[in-house]
Amino acid sequence: MKKNMLKRLVAMTAMAVMMVTSLPLEIQAKEGVRTETRAEAAVGEEALSHQLPSEGLKPLKEGADQVLPILERKTSRKGAARYANPKASTAREWESYVSRYYYQYLSTGQREIYDYLYATLTRYLTDPKLDAMQVGGGYYSQWYLKNCNRQDLRIAFYTFLYENPQFFFVDYTNCMMGKNSLIISIFESYAKGAARESAAQQIKAKISGYVSAASAATTAYEKEKIVHDRLIAEVSYVENDYDQSIASTFLLNQTVCSGYAQGFAAIMNSIGVPTICVLSDTHAWNEILLGGKWYVVDCTWDDDLSDTEYKDFYLNVSESRVLRVDEYMAKRKQDPKEKTIHVPMAMYKKLHRPKAMSNFDPKTDTSRFSQIYGMNLVNQAPAKPSVFSLKRKGKGRIVITAKKSGFIDGYQIRLIRGSSVTLLAATSSGNLKKEVRSLKRKHTYKVQIRSFRYYNSKRKYSPWTGKKAIRVA
């Protein structure tokens, strides 16, 4: 008797969940957190039955210190400078796939590593005559990084790979890190320039197909929905040798979370909707900017739920939603690791990863959108400082202040006294406050400033401000 009552109760509960989760979003919103929790529990049950994939990220290999001397002998570059400094081709047709959101928050040293990787690998992307170097059973870029801080290498490399999905030929899991070096591994299938060129054209055509399909819609959200649905319909979760790159996504239609995240970002950024990748220790997913707010998108998990009524459960949602489902899964599986699947890597704290605070409301106006975190953010000259001021501070000293003018790395100051010109630099990504000492007392100086930003290891300067005069005490 008790067993029958229990069965009825479970059936009634399941029916209630189905009814609630089938209600329109605006009605669900009125129910508040309690309703959302029911839906999350239902998704957790569905996920358990589907064995939702969570693995995907694989660690870099160690051993660069052993391979580096061989590469140096092969390229006759033993004792070479820190960077080979190859010149990057323009590759403008690939830049639309790029996100540079995290780039703006990297340190100067990390950005130098990032820029070097971009310049080096752009050669391999655009030069069909350039072949990778073979060392033993592996294939590597003939240019490599040396004398770099290991932590900077790791942060810059992870950031670079997931902001630049166009470098599909990088064999990420076989790239090697040494004590202070990084060697880029290239898939054997793409070691020859002609093979890379052929694959690149196929990938480009595949992405163009997604973009064309999305062009039928008018708003950013509608375009995103088309891409999301087509991606999870065409691609399956299958591990393979290329599953850390978009080669698996667009050439094999089989990938893991890394390929889903990079592929989705490449398409949406190409359309013009700002999209970034986020990594945990075992997973990769996306965040997208719609109507001025960021939302979580996880195509990997939606793909696994694609044949259920919850197929859009991870489309444009808050971080709290995915974390609560992870917690539910951890309890049901009795595995604490499940809680950390959507916990971003610690490096994002310094990279100012945007927070996804709410679930998307389909009524939000997303008809106007533009790419704001693409290449255009970093390859153009920074804006000229709009406001700066001078103040005397004791004998022979002045203080120069200025308000920040967008994404910058620092300021350059020009002091003019008669025919004498002195240039000073101040590193700051925020407002300027620079005290200048040892000036000629009782003399008048004219002062100008301009901001600068690093791009491909070189400074890009804004125009100089007008001159301001100050008499030194």
Protein backbone atom coordinates (compact mmCIF):
# COMPACT_ATOMS: atom_id res chain seq x y z
CA MET A 1 0.00 0.00 0.00
CA LYS A 2 2.77 2.41 0.99
CA LYS A 3 4.73 1.53 -2.15
CA ASN A 4 1.72 2.38 -4.37
CA MET A 5 1.23 5.70 -2.60
CA LEU A 6 4.91 6.51 -3.07
CA LYS A 7 4.70 5.71 -6.78
CA ARG A 8 1.68 8.01 -7.15
CA LEU A 9 3.47 10.80 -5.29
CA VAL A 10 6.55 10.52 -7.53
CA ALA A 11 4.35 10.52 -10.65
CA MET A 12 2.43 13.59 -9.47
CA THR A 13 5.70 15.41 -8.68
CA ALA A 14 7.12 14.62 -12.11
CA MET A 15 3.91 15.86 -13.76
CA ALA A 16 4.05 19.09 -11.75
CA VAL A 17 7.65 19.68 -12.85
CA MET A 18 6.74 19.07 -16.49
CA MET A 19 3.81 21.48 -16.26
CA VAL A 20 5.86 24.21 -14.59
CA THR A 21 8.81 23.97 -16.96
CA SER A 22 6.51 24.06 -19.98
CA LEU A 23 5.03 27.40 -18.94
CA PRO A 24 6.10 30.55 -20.82
CA LEU A 25 9.24 32.21 -19.47
CA GLU A 26 7.42 35.28 -18.22
CA ILE A 27 5.08 33.09 -16.11
CA GLN A 28 7.99 31.09 -14.74
CA ALA A 29 9.70 34.33 -13.74
CA LYS A 30 6.76 35.23 -11.49
CA GLU A 31 7.23 31.98 -9.61
CA GLY A 32 10.76 33.08 -8.69
CA VAL A 33 13.68 30.95 -7.55
CA ARG A 34 11.43 28.09 -6.30
CA THR A 35 10.15 27.34 -9.84
CA GLU A 36 13.63 27.55 -11.31
CA THR A 37 14.91 25.05 -8.77
CA ARG A 38 12.25 22.52 -9.83
CA ALA A 39 13.29 22.84 -13.45
CA GLU A 40 16.95 22.47 -12.49
CA ALA A 41 16.21 19.30 -10.55
CA ALA A 42 14.38 17.91 -13.58
CA VAL A 43 17.34 18.75 -15.80
CA GLY A 44 19.63 17.08 -13.28
CA GLU A 45 17.59 13.88 -13.55
CA GLU A 46 17.64 14.10 -17.34
CA ALA A 47 21.39 14.72 -17.32
CA LEU A 48 22.01 11.66 -15.15
CA SER A 49 20.16 9.45 -17.61
CA HIS A 50 22.11 10.95 -20.51
CA GLN A 51 25.52 10.75 -18.81
CA LEU A 52 26.22 14.38 -19.64
CA PRO A 53 29.86 14.82 -20.81
CA SER A 54 32.05 17.05 -18.67
CA GLU A 55 35.62 16.18 -19.61
CA GLY A 56 37.33 17.93 -22.49
CA LEU A 57 40.29 20.03 -21.43
CA LYS A 58 43.60 18.20 -21.53
CA PRO A 59 46.88 19.37 -19.97
CA LEU A 60 49.91 20.63 -21.83
CA LYS A 61 52.83 18.24 -22.08
CA GLU A 62 56.15 18.83 -20.37
CA GLY A 63 59.48 18.35 -22.07
CA ALA A 64 60.30 21.53 -23.99
CA ASP A 65 63.75 21.61 -22.40
CA GLN A 66 64.65 18.37 -24.22
CA VAL A 67 63.19 19.33 -27.61
CA LEU A 68 64.37 22.96 -27.67
CA PRO A 69 68.10 22.24 -28.28
CA ILE A 70 67.21 19.99 -31.22
CA LEU A 71 65.00 22.69 -32.76
CA GLU A 72 67.77 25.21 -32.26
CA ARG A 73 70.29 23.01 -34.07
CA LYS A 74 67.83 22.30 -36.89
CA THR A 75 67.13 25.98 -37.46
CA SER A 76 70.71 27.13 -36.76
CA ARG A 77 69.39 29.47 -34.11
CA LYS A 78 71.36 28.30 -31.10
CA GLY A 79 71.90 31.23 -28.78
CA ALA A 80 69.30 33.29 -30.64
CA ALA A 81 67.49 36.22 -29.08
CA ARG A 82 64.33 35.75 -27.05
CA TYR A 83 62.06 36.09 -30.05
CA ALA A 84 62.57 35.16 -33.68
CA ASN A 85 60.17 38.06 -34.34
CA PRO A 86 58.46 36.79 -37.51
CA LYS A 87 56.31 39.28 -39.34
CA ALA A 88 52.63 38.37 -39.40
CA SER A 89 50.64 38.52 -42.61
CA THR A 90 47.52 40.63 -42.38
CA ALA A 91 45.11 37.66 -42.57
CA ARG A 92 42.21 40.09 -42.37
CA GLU A 93 39.68 37.49 -43.42
CA TRP A 94 40.39 35.53 -40.22
CA GLU A 95 40.20 38.41 -37.79
CA SER A 96 36.42 38.38 -37.61
CA TYR A 97 36.58 35.06 -35.71
CA VAL A 98 38.73 36.59 -32.99
CA SER A 99 37.74 37.83 -29.55
CA ARG A 100 40.16 40.10 -27.71
CA TYR A 101 38.19 40.58 -24.50
CA TYR A 102 40.76 38.99 -22.18
CA TYR A 103 43.71 40.41 -24.12
CA GLN A 104 43.02 43.89 -22.80
CA TYR A 105 43.57 42.67 -19.21
CA LEU A 106 46.78 40.70 -19.76
CA SER A 107 49.99 42.10 -18.28
CA THR A 108 52.56 43.63 -20.63
CA GLY A 109 54.70 40.47 -20.46
CA GLN A 110 51.72 38.22 -21.11
CA ARG A 111 50.66 40.36 -24.04
CA GLU A 112 54.13 40.08 -25.56
CA ILE A 113 53.81 36.28 -25.45
CA TYR A 114 50.31 36.47 -26.94
CA ASP A 115 51.45 38.81 -29.73
CA TYR A 116 54.39 36.59 -30.55
CA LEU A 117 52.16 33.53 -30.78
CA TYR A 118 49.75 35.43 -33.03
CA ALA A 119 52.53 36.60 -35.35
CA THR A 120 54.16 33.16 -35.55
CA LEU A 121 51.02 31.13 -36.11
CA THR A 122 49.58 33.60 -38.60
CA ARG A 123 52.53 32.69 -40.80
CA TYR A 124 51.54 29.04 -40.60
CA LEU A 125 47.92 29.96 -41.30
CA THR A 126 48.64 32.05 -44.40
CA ASP A 127 51.83 30.61 -45.97
CA PRO A 128 51.16 27.35 -47.88
CA LYS A 129 54.91 26.93 -48.47
CA LEU A 130 55.80 26.88 -44.78
CA ASP A 131 56.15 23.39 -43.30
CA ALA A 132 56.47 22.47 -39.63
CA MET A 133 59.77 21.14 -38.26
CA GLN A 134 59.93 17.41 -37.53
CA VAL A 135 61.69 16.33 -34.34
CA GLY A 136 61.42 12.65 -33.55
CA GLY A 137 57.78 11.70 -33.93
CA GLY A 138 56.43 15.24 -33.51
CA TYR A 139 55.99 18.36 -35.64
CA TYR A 140 56.69 21.82 -34.25
CA SER A 141 56.77 25.48 -35.18
CA GLN A 142 60.28 26.53 -36.08
CA TRP A 143 59.82 29.56 -33.82
CA TYR A 144 59.52 29.17 -30.08
CA LEU A 145 59.36 31.17 -26.88
CA LYS A 146 62.26 31.34 -24.45
CA ASN A 147 63.13 33.10 -21.19
CA CYS A 148 59.51 33.71 -20.18
CA ASN A 149 57.87 33.44 -16.80
CA ARG A 150 56.16 30.05 -16.61
CA GLN A 151 52.95 31.42 -15.11
CA ASP A 152 52.78 34.13 -17.79
CA LEU A 153 53.28 31.48 -20.46
CA ARG A 154 50.42 29.38 -19.18
CA ILE A 155 47.95 32.28 -18.83
CA ALA A 156 48.88 33.83 -22.17
CA PHE A 157 48.71 30.48 -23.98
CA TYR A 158 45.29 29.47 -22.64
CA THR A 159 43.94 32.95 -23.35
CA PHE A 160 45.44 33.01 -26.83
CA LEU A 161 44.12 29.61 -27.93
CA TYR A 162 40.54 30.27 -26.91
CA GLU A 163 40.45 33.80 -28.34
CA ASN A 164 41.93 32.69 -31.69
CA PRO A 165 40.12 29.54 -32.88
CA GLN A 166 41.40 30.07 -36.43
CA PHE A 167 44.68 28.37 -35.49
CA PHE A 168 43.03 24.95 -35.83
CA PHE A 169 46.33 23.22 -36.68
CA VAL A 170 47.85 23.73 -33.22
CA ASP A 171 48.15 20.36 -31.47
CA TYR A 172 47.39 21.86 -28.07
CA THR A 173 47.82 18.72 -25.97
CA ASN A 174 51.29 18.07 -27.41
CA CYS A 175 52.56 21.64 -27.04
CA MET A 176 55.48 21.55 -24.61
CA MET A 177 56.31 23.72 -21.64
CA GLY A 178 59.75 23.83 -20.08
CA LYS A 179 61.19 25.81 -17.20
CA ASN A 180 60.88 29.07 -19.13
CA SER A 181 60.00 28.04 -22.68
CA LEU A 182 57.07 27.03 -24.86
CA ILE A 183 57.22 24.98 -28.06
CA ILE A 184 54.18 24.90 -30.34
CA SER A 185 53.19 21.48 -31.64
CA ILE A 186 51.39 21.16 -34.98
CA PHE A 187 49.20 18.23 -35.99
CA GLU A 188 51.01 15.87 -38.36
CA SER A 189 48.05 16.11 -40.77
CA TYR A 190 48.66 19.87 -41.02
CA ALA A 191 52.45 19.88 -40.93
CA LYS A 192 52.52 20.65 -44.66
CA GLY A 193 51.45 24.11 -45.72
CA ALA A 194 49.30 22.81 -48.57
CA ALA A 195 47.28 20.62 -46.18
CA ARG A 196 46.70 23.56 -43.83
CA GLU A 197 45.57 25.76 -46.69
CA SER A 198 43.05 23.16 -47.89
CA ALA A 199 41.67 22.61 -44.38
CA ALA A 200 41.50 26.36 -43.73
CA GLN A 201 39.36 26.90 -46.80
CA GLN A 202 36.99 24.11 -45.76
CA ILE A 203 36.64 25.54 -42.25
CA LYS A 204 36.05 29.00 -43.62
CA ALA A 205 33.35 27.70 -45.95
CA LYS A 206 31.67 25.82 -43.09
CA ILE A 207 31.58 28.92 -40.87
CA SER A 208 30.27 30.96 -43.79
CA GLY A 209 27.40 28.48 -44.05
CA TYR A 210 26.43 29.15 -40.44
CA VAL A 211 26.69 32.91 -40.98
CA SER A 212 24.53 32.70 -44.11
CA ALA A 213 21.90 30.67 -42.29
CA ALA A 214 21.82 33.23 -39.47
CA SER A 215 21.44 36.11 -41.93
CA ALA A 216 17.76 35.18 -42.31
CA ALA A 217 17.18 36.55 -38.79
CA THR A 218 17.23 40.21 -37.80
CA THR A 219 18.16 40.29 -34.11
CA ALA A 220 21.31 39.06 -32.39
CA TYR A 221 19.30 36.61 -30.29
CA GLU A 222 17.51 35.14 -33.32
CA LYS A 223 20.85 34.71 -35.10
CA GLU A 224 22.34 33.08 -32.03
CA LYS A 225 19.42 30.64 -31.76
CA ILE A 226 19.88 29.53 -35.37
CA VAL A 227 23.61 28.96 -34.83
CA HIS A 228 23.09 27.19 -31.49
CA ASP A 229 20.46 24.80 -32.88
CA ARG A 230 22.38 24.03 -36.06
CA LEU A 231 25.64 23.46 -34.20
CA ILE A 232 24.20 20.91 -31.79
CA ALA A 233 22.27 19.25 -34.63
CA GLU A 234 25.34 18.84 -36.87
CA VAL A 235 28.03 18.12 -34.28
CA SER A 236 28.25 15.15 -31.91
CA TYR A 237 30.18 14.73 -28.67
CA VAL A 238 32.96 12.31 -29.67
CA GLU A 239 36.56 12.38 -28.51
CA ASN A 240 39.20 12.35 -31.24
CA ASP A 241 42.76 13.50 -31.95
CA TYR A 242 41.59 16.98 -33.03
CA ASP A 243 38.95 17.59 -30.36
CA GLN A 244 40.76 20.56 -28.81
CA SER A 245 40.46 22.59 -32.03
CA ILE A 246 37.76 23.65 -34.48
CA ALA A 247 39.18 21.15 -36.98
CA SER A 248 37.08 18.56 -35.15
CA THR A 249 34.03 20.84 -35.01
CA PHE A 250 33.85 21.84 -38.66
CA LEU A 251 35.75 19.09 -40.53
CA LEU A 252 34.73 16.01 -38.55
CA ASN A 253 31.46 17.17 -36.96
CA GLN A 254 32.71 15.39 -33.84
CA THR A 255 34.25 17.19 -30.90
CA VAL A 256 34.25 17.77 -27.13
CA CYS A 257 33.55 20.87 -25.06
CA SER A 258 36.66 22.71 -26.35
CA GLY A 259 35.53 22.34 -29.95
CA TYR A 260 31.93 23.33 -29.20
CA ALA A 261 33.03 26.46 -27.32
CA GLN A 262 35.63 27.60 -29.87
CA GLY A 263 33.35 26.82 -32.80
CA PHE A 264 30.39 28.70 -31.34
CA ALA A 265 32.62 31.70 -30.53
CA ALA A 266 34.12 31.75 -34.03
CA ILE A 267 30.68 31.80 -35.68
CA MET A 268 29.07 34.36 -33.37
CA ASN A 269 32.06 36.73 -33.47
CA SER A 270 32.06 36.43 -37.26
CA ILE A 271 28.40 37.47 -37.23
CA GLY A 272 29.30 40.38 -34.97
CA VAL A 273 27.92 39.26 -31.62
CA PRO A 274 30.62 39.45 -28.89
CA THR A 275 31.26 35.92 -27.59
CA ILE A 276 34.05 34.62 -25.37
CA CYS A 277 35.18 31.23 -24.08
CA VAL A 278 35.39 30.32 -20.40
CA LEU A 279 37.43 27.42 -19.00
CA SER A 280 37.32 25.41 -15.81
CA ASP A 281 39.82 22.66 -15.04
CA THR A 282 37.67 20.11 -16.90
CA HIS A 283 35.26 22.00 -19.13
CA ALA A 284 34.83 24.83 -21.65
CA TRP A 285 31.76 26.92 -22.47
CA ASN A 286 30.81 30.40 -23.68
CA GLU A 287 29.54 33.75 -22.53
CA ILE A 288 27.71 36.00 -24.98
CA LEU A 289 26.84 39.70 -24.84
CA LEU A 290 23.18 40.38 -25.64
CA GLY A 291 21.38 43.64 -24.96
CA GLY A 292 24.25 44.90 -22.82
CA LYS A 293 24.35 41.86 -20.50
CA TRP A 294 26.46 38.70 -20.47
CA TYR A 295 24.91 35.21 -20.43
CA VAL A 296 26.22 31.67 -20.17
CA VAL A 297 25.88 29.41 -23.24
CA ASP A 298 26.92 25.75 -23.05
CA CYS A 299 26.40 24.01 -26.39
CA THR A 300 28.06 20.83 -25.13
CA TRP A 301 25.47 20.25 -22.44
CA ASP A 302 22.56 21.43 -24.59
CA ASP A 303 23.64 18.95 -27.26
CA ASP A 304 23.37 16.11 -24.78
CA LEU A 305 19.86 17.29 -23.87
CA SER A 306 18.90 17.97 -27.51
CA ASP A 307 16.37 15.14 -27.72
CA THR A 308 14.57 16.29 -24.57
CA GLU A 309 12.35 19.24 -23.75
CA TYR A 310 15.33 20.86 -21.98
CA LYS A 311 17.44 21.30 -25.14
CA ASP A 312 17.83 25.08 -24.54
CA PHE A 313 18.41 24.82 -20.81
CA TYR A 314 21.98 26.16 -21.12
CA LEU A 315 21.22 28.88 -23.69
CA ASN A 316 21.65 32.41 -22.28
CA VAL A 317 21.40 31.63 -18.60
CA SER A 318 22.96 32.85 -15.36
CA GLU A 319 26.01 31.38 -13.69
CA SER A 320 23.93 30.55 -10.63
CA ARG A 321 21.68 28.28 -12.71
CA VAL A 322 24.49 26.10 -14.05
CA LEU A 323 26.23 25.99 -10.67
CA ARG A 324 23.03 24.83 -8.95
CA VAL A 325 22.60 22.04 -11.48
CA ASP A 326 26.25 21.05 -10.95
CA GLU A 327 25.60 20.91 -7.22
CA TYR A 328 22.52 18.75 -7.79
CA MET A 329 24.55 16.41 -10.00
CA ALA A 330 27.30 16.19 -7.38
CA LYS A 331 24.81 15.10 -4.74
CA ARG A 332 23.13 12.53 -6.97
CA LYS A 333 26.42 11.11 -8.26
CA GLN A 334 28.06 11.46 -4.86
CA ASP A 335 31.02 13.05 -6.63
CA PRO A 336 32.26 16.42 -5.28
CA LYS A 337 34.13 17.09 -8.55
CA GLU A 338 30.81 17.66 -10.30
CA LYS A 339 30.48 20.93 -8.35
CA THR A 340 33.52 22.42 -10.07
CA ILE A 341 32.61 21.72 -13.70
CA HIS A 342 31.44 25.32 -14.27
CA VAL A 343 33.80 27.01 -11.79
CA PRO A 344 36.11 29.19 -13.94
CA MET A 345 39.89 28.94 -13.66
CA ALA A 346 41.50 31.23 -11.10
CA MET A 347 43.26 33.22 -13.85
CA TYR A 348 39.96 34.87 -14.79
CA LYS A 349 39.95 36.93 -11.59
CA LYS A 350 42.77 39.05 -12.99
CA LEU A 351 41.31 38.95 -16.50
CA HIS A 352 38.01 40.49 -15.33
CA ARG A 353 35.80 37.77 -16.74
CA PRO A 354 32.30 39.27 -17.12
CA LYS A 355 29.68 37.89 -14.75
CA ALA A 356 26.48 36.35 -16.10
CA MET A 357 24.04 37.52 -13.45
CA SER A 358 20.62 36.70 -14.90
CA ASN A 359 18.69 34.54 -17.36
CA PHE A 360 17.92 36.07 -20.74
CA ASP A 361 14.49 37.56 -21.36
CA PRO A 362 13.43 36.95 -25.00
CA LYS A 363 11.67 40.35 -24.93
CA THR A 364 15.08 42.08 -24.70
CA ASP A 365 15.84 44.21 -27.73
CA THR A 366 18.89 42.73 -29.47
CA SER A 367 18.24 44.21 -32.90
CA ARG A 368 21.28 46.45 -32.59
CA PHE A 369 24.60 44.75 -31.99
CA SER A 370 28.22 45.10 -33.05
CA GLN A 371 31.55 43.40 -32.48
CA ILE A 372 33.22 45.38 -29.71
CA TYR A 373 35.86 42.91 -28.53
CA GLY A 374 37.37 42.00 -31.87
CA MET A 375 40.69 42.91 -33.45
CA ASN A 376 39.58 46.51 -33.93
CA LEU A 377 39.89 47.04 -30.17
CA VAL A 378 43.65 46.53 -30.12
CA ASN A 379 45.06 47.27 -33.56
CA GLN A 380 43.85 50.86 -33.74
CA ALA A 381 45.58 53.76 -32.06
CA PRO A 382 44.20 54.61 -28.61
CA ALA A 383 42.16 57.74 -28.02
CA LYS A 384 43.91 60.96 -27.09
CA PRO A 385 43.58 61.84 -23.37
CA SER A 386 40.71 64.31 -23.15
CA VAL A 387 41.59 65.94 -19.84
CA PHE A 388 44.95 66.51 -18.14
CA SER A 389 46.20 69.00 -15.59
CA LEU A 390 49.43 70.32 -14.04
CA LYS A 391 50.18 71.25 -10.45
CA ARG A 392 53.28 72.52 -8.64
CA LYS A 393 54.43 70.34 -5.75
CA GLY A 394 57.36 71.84 -3.86
CA LYS A 395 60.62 73.09 -5.29
CA GLY A 396 61.56 71.75 -8.72
CA ARG A 397 58.59 69.37 -8.84
CA ILE A 398 55.28 69.15 -10.64
CA VAL A 399 52.45 66.58 -10.75
CA ILE A 400 50.79 65.62 -14.04
CA THR A 401 47.35 64.01 -13.90
CA ALA A 402 45.03 62.77 -16.63
CA LYS A 403 41.83 60.80 -17.00
CA LYS A 404 41.94 57.36 -18.60
CA SER A 405 41.13 57.30 -22.32
CA GLY A 406 39.86 53.80 -23.05
CA PHE A 407 41.92 50.61 -23.31
CA ILE A 408 45.56 51.69 -22.79
CA ASP A 409 48.84 50.46 -21.30
CA GLY A 410 50.39 53.77 -20.33
CA TYR A 411 51.25 57.36 -21.12
CA GLN A 412 54.13 59.25 -22.68
CA ILE A 413 54.93 62.76 -21.41
CA ARG A 414 56.81 65.45 -23.33
CA LEU A 415 58.46 68.28 -21.36
CA ILE A 416 59.57 71.27 -23.42
CA ARG A 417 61.87 74.01 -22.09
CA GLY A 418 63.13 76.26 -24.85
CA SER A 419 64.75 73.96 -27.41
CA SER A 420 65.19 71.14 -24.88
CA VAL A 421 62.71 68.24 -25.10
CA THR A 422 62.47 65.42 -22.53
CA LEU A 423 60.33 62.30 -22.94
CA LEU A 424 59.04 60.36 -19.94
CA ALA A 425 56.88 57.22 -19.75
CA ALA A 426 54.34 56.21 -17.14
CA THR A 427 52.88 52.69 -17.07
CA SER A 428 49.21 52.78 -16.15
CA SER A 429 46.05 51.25 -17.57
CA GLY A 430 43.98 53.72 -15.56
CA ASN A 431 44.25 57.38 -14.70
CA LEU A 432 47.62 59.10 -14.83
CA LYS A 433 49.32 60.59 -11.79
CA LYS A 434 52.99 61.29 -12.42
CA GLU A 435 55.28 63.35 -10.22
CA VAL A 436 58.22 64.84 -12.11
CA ARG A 437 61.22 65.94 -10.05
CA SER A 438 64.56 67.72 -10.53
CA LEU A 439 63.17 70.38 -12.86
CA LYS A 440 64.84 73.75 -13.31
CA ARG A 441 63.48 76.04 -10.65
CA LYS A 442 61.82 79.29 -11.71
CA HIS A 443 61.62 78.05 -15.30
CA THR A 444 58.54 77.57 -17.44
CA TYR A 445 57.85 74.18 -19.02
CA LYS A 446 55.34 73.28 -21.71
CA VAL A 447 53.81 69.84 -21.25
CA GLN A 448 52.06 67.43 -23.62
CA ILE A 449 50.91 63.87 -23.07
CA ARG A 450 49.66 60.97 -25.16
CA SER A 451 48.53 57.44 -24.34
CA PHE A 452 49.89 54.21 -25.78
CA ARG A 453 48.89 50.56 -26.16
CA TYR A 454 50.98 47.52 -27.02
CA TYR A 455 50.14 45.57 -30.16
CA ASN A 456 52.43 42.89 -31.63
CA SER A 457 55.06 43.94 -29.07
CA LYS A 458 55.12 47.51 -30.41
CA ARG A 459 53.58 50.66 -29.04
CA LYS A 460 50.68 52.36 -30.76
CA TYR A 461 50.36 56.02 -29.72
CA SER A 462 47.46 58.40 -29.60
CA PRO A 463 47.91 61.94 -30.93
CA TRP A 464 49.59 64.40 -28.56
CA THR A 465 47.39 66.67 -26.50
CA GLY A 466 47.76 70.43 -26.78
CA LYS A 467 50.53 72.14 -24.79
CA LYS A 468 50.03 73.39 -21.26
CA ALA A 469 52.51 75.70 -19.55
CA ILE A 470 53.57 75.70 -15.90
CA ARG A 471 56.22 77.71 -14.03
CA VAL A 472 58.20 75.57 -11.61
CA ALA A 473 58.55 76.79 -8.03
